[in-house]
Protein backbone atom coordinates (compact mmCIF):
# COMPACT_ATOMS: atom_id res chain seq x y z
CA MET A 1 58.87 44.69 -44.95
CA ALA A 2 57.09 42.81 -47.77
CA PHE A 3 53.78 44.21 -46.54
CA PHE A 4 55.18 47.75 -46.63
CA ARG A 5 56.44 47.28 -50.23
CA LYS A 6 53.05 45.95 -51.32
CA PHE A 7 51.34 48.86 -49.59
CA VAL A 8 53.62 51.42 -51.28
CA HIS A 9 53.09 49.68 -54.64
CA VAL A 10 49.29 49.82 -54.24
CA ILE A 11 49.46 53.50 -53.25
CA TYR A 12 51.73 54.21 -56.22
CA GLU A 13 49.31 52.47 -58.62
CA PHE A 14 46.37 54.36 -57.12
CA ILE A 15 48.14 57.70 -57.54
CA GLU A 16 49.19 56.79 -61.08
CA SER A 17 45.60 55.86 -61.99
CA PHE A 18 44.30 59.07 -60.40
CA VAL A 19 46.80 61.28 -62.26
CA ILE A 20 46.02 59.62 -65.60
CA SER A 21 42.26 59.94 -65.02
CA ALA A 22 42.55 63.55 -63.89
CA SER A 23 44.72 64.40 -66.91
CA PHE A 24 42.17 62.80 -69.24
CA PHE A 25 39.35 64.76 -67.57
CA VAL A 26 41.25 68.07 -67.81
CA VAL A 27 41.94 67.56 -71.53
CA ILE A 28 38.26 66.78 -72.18
CA TYR A 29 37.10 69.73 -70.05
CA LEU A 30 39.48 72.25 -71.61
CA PHE A 31 39.29 71.21 -75.26
CA LEU A 32 36.28 68.99 -76.02
CA MET A 33 33.24 69.47 -73.80
CA GLN A 34 32.13 71.17 -70.63
CA PRO A 35 29.15 70.79 -68.29
CA HIS A 36 26.82 73.73 -67.64
CA GLN A 37 23.86 74.18 -65.33
CA VAL A 38 20.77 76.07 -66.47
CA LYS A 39 20.23 78.91 -64.02
CA GLY A 40 16.92 80.69 -64.20
CA SER A 41 14.03 80.54 -66.62
CA SER A 42 15.38 82.35 -69.71
CA MET A 43 15.34 79.16 -71.83
CA PHE A 44 12.01 77.77 -70.57
CA PRO A 45 10.25 75.67 -71.85
CA THR A 46 13.18 74.14 -73.77
CA TYR A 47 15.47 73.97 -70.73
CA LYS A 48 14.42 74.33 -67.13
CA ASP A 49 16.18 75.78 -64.10
CA LYS A 50 18.77 73.42 -62.57
CA GLU A 51 19.01 71.12 -65.60
CA TYR A 52 22.53 70.09 -66.59
CA LEU A 53 23.79 70.27 -70.16
CA LEU A 54 27.01 69.33 -71.97
CA THR A 55 28.56 71.88 -74.28
CA ASP A 56 30.55 70.83 -77.35
CA LYS A 57 33.66 73.02 -77.59
CA VAL A 58 34.86 71.64 -80.95
CA THR A 59 32.02 72.35 -83.42
CA TYR A 60 32.64 76.08 -83.72
CA ARG A 61 36.31 75.54 -84.47
CA ARG A 62 35.15 73.89 -87.72
CA ARG A 63 32.11 76.00 -88.55
CA LEU A 64 30.21 79.10 -87.45
CA PRO A 65 27.02 78.99 -85.37
CA THR A 66 23.79 78.56 -87.34
CA TYR A 67 20.18 79.53 -86.72
CA GLY A 68 18.63 77.54 -83.91
CA ASP A 69 21.88 76.42 -82.26
CA VAL A 70 21.69 76.72 -78.50
CA ILE A 71 24.99 78.26 -77.44
CA VAL A 72 26.83 78.94 -74.21
CA PHE A 73 28.81 82.17 -74.06
CA LYS A 74 30.41 84.62 -71.67
CA ALA A 75 27.83 87.09 -70.35
CA PRO A 76 28.31 90.53 -71.90
CA MET A 77 28.10 92.45 -68.62
CA ASN A 78 30.21 90.03 -66.53
CA GLU A 79 32.32 87.47 -68.37
CA SER A 80 32.73 85.33 -65.25
CA PHE A 81 29.16 84.09 -65.88
CA ASP A 82 27.91 81.97 -68.77
CA PHE A 83 24.63 82.52 -70.61
CA ILE A 84 22.66 79.91 -72.55
CA LYS A 85 20.65 81.29 -75.50
CA ARG A 86 19.46 80.35 -79.00
CA VAL A 87 21.03 81.77 -82.17
CA ILE A 88 18.39 83.81 -84.01
CA ALA A 89 20.47 85.49 -86.73
CA THR A 90 23.96 85.09 -88.18
CA PRO A 91 26.33 87.40 -90.11
CA GLY A 92 24.74 89.21 -93.03
CA GLN A 93 21.18 88.67 -91.79
CA SER A 94 18.98 91.51 -90.66
CA VAL A 95 16.83 91.04 -87.57
CA LYS A 96 14.03 93.10 -86.08
CA VAL A 97 11.28 92.76 -83.51
CA ALA A 98 7.87 94.12 -84.49
CA ASN A 99 4.34 93.46 -83.24
CA GLY A 100 5.53 90.75 -80.86
CA LYS A 101 7.30 88.73 -83.57
CA VAL A 102 10.88 88.28 -84.78
CA PHE A 103 11.73 88.98 -88.40
CA VAL A 104 14.92 87.82 -90.09
CA ASP A 105 15.68 89.22 -93.54
CA GLY A 106 12.15 90.65 -93.65
CA LYS A 107 10.40 87.30 -93.05
CA MET A 108 8.67 86.35 -89.84
CA LEU A 109 10.81 83.77 -88.05
CA ASP A 110 9.14 80.38 -87.61
CA GLU A 111 9.95 79.34 -84.05
CA PRO A 112 8.39 75.91 -83.42
CA TYR A 113 10.38 75.55 -80.17
CA LEU A 114 8.25 78.34 -78.61
CA PRO A 115 4.66 78.03 -77.39
CA ASP A 116 2.20 79.90 -79.61
CA GLU A 117 1.28 82.35 -76.85
CA TYR A 118 4.87 83.65 -76.46
CA VAL A 119 5.35 87.23 -77.58
CA THR A 120 8.74 88.79 -78.31
CA SER A 121 9.15 92.27 -76.90
CA PRO A 122 11.84 94.68 -78.08
CA GLY A 123 14.74 95.70 -75.83
CA GLU A 124 17.22 98.48 -75.19
CA PHE A 125 19.39 97.49 -78.17
CA LEU A 126 16.83 96.08 -80.58
CA GLN A 127 13.91 98.47 -80.34
CA GLU A 128 10.43 98.04 -81.83
CA GLY A 129 10.56 97.97 -85.64
CA GLU A 130 14.28 98.81 -85.85
CA GLU A 131 16.40 96.51 -87.97
CA TYR A 132 19.94 95.40 -87.15
CA THR A 133 22.26 93.67 -89.62
CA VAL A 134 24.49 91.10 -87.94
CA GLN A 135 28.17 91.76 -88.64
CA ASP A 136 30.94 89.24 -89.31
CA GLY A 137 32.19 87.63 -86.11
CA GLU A 138 28.92 87.89 -84.18
CA VAL A 139 25.44 86.38 -83.79
CA MET A 140 22.14 87.53 -82.32
CA ALA A 141 20.98 85.20 -79.53
CA PHE A 142 17.63 85.23 -77.69
CA GLY A 143 16.36 83.23 -74.75
CA ASP A 144 13.34 81.03 -75.48
CA ASN A 145 11.39 82.55 -72.58
CA ARG A 146 11.20 85.98 -74.17
CA ASP A 147 9.50 87.71 -71.22
CA HIS A 148 12.18 86.52 -68.79
CA SER A 149 15.40 86.70 -70.78
CA SER A 150 18.20 89.22 -70.91
CA ASP A 151 19.57 88.69 -74.41
CA SER A 152 20.66 90.35 -77.67
CA ARG A 153 17.51 92.47 -77.66
CA ASP A 154 18.91 94.25 -74.60
CA TRP A 155 22.71 94.23 -75.00
CA GLY A 156 23.32 93.56 -78.67
CA PRO A 157 25.09 90.83 -80.63
CA VAL A 158 27.26 88.10 -79.12
CA PRO A 159 30.85 88.16 -80.40
CA ASN A 160 31.97 84.74 -81.66
CA LYS A 161 35.06 85.01 -79.44
CA ASN A 162 32.76 84.91 -76.37
CA ILE A 163 31.05 81.67 -77.43
CA THR A 164 32.15 78.68 -75.34
CA GLY A 165 30.33 76.09 -77.41
CA LYS A 166 27.13 74.46 -78.56
CA VAL A 167 24.76 72.59 -76.26
CA PHE A 168 24.52 68.98 -77.46
CA PHE A 169 23.40 66.80 -74.54
CA ARG A 170 21.15 67.12 -71.48
CA TYR A 171 22.22 64.75 -68.70
CA TRP A 172 20.19 65.84 -65.67
CA PRO A 173 17.52 65.13 -64.66
CA VAL A 174 17.72 61.58 -65.90
CA SER A 175 14.05 61.63 -66.95
CA VAL A 176 14.90 64.05 -69.80
CA ALA A 177 18.50 63.00 -70.45
CA GLY A 178 19.60 62.56 -74.03
CA PRO A 179 21.07 64.24 -77.08
CA ILE A 180 19.70 67.64 -78.08
CA LYS A 181 17.86 67.44 -81.39
CA LYS A 182 17.04 70.38 -83.60
CA ASP A 183 13.31 70.85 -83.32
CA TYR A 184 12.72 73.27 -86.20
């Protein structure tokens, strides 16, 4: 009988520890941060296919996205998928694509995170030489791999309500793990 009581006590403690741990994980996952896997090459060379990133879900409750932030958001065509893109323009800024370059407020955008040979083509939404002024409550977001990215050039601005959070840490593969630093 003493063995049975000890066994039940150990099981009870295990379940209690599991429930506390699971509760802690759920709170973190729902309110603070969330893991995401890079799928595809739209953010190459900054992020590669099958890398794992952590997304901060708190930052944009305190402030709006800014130029250069890498964000995760609900895909415009199917909100059950997440996209990872870089903020190019914020409310009040005008953006256009002309001659293979991006212009924000009439000035060519300096994009040190892109290789020099990358060219930015226009899309269905943001056509060659046409200017779009970003409205309140939205941002324009492009993939770093401009030739292989479906982004705001094709389907327009990203509503802030669709933004899950800001990428802040890469944790897989271990060889490139670490905090994400602004490189511009």
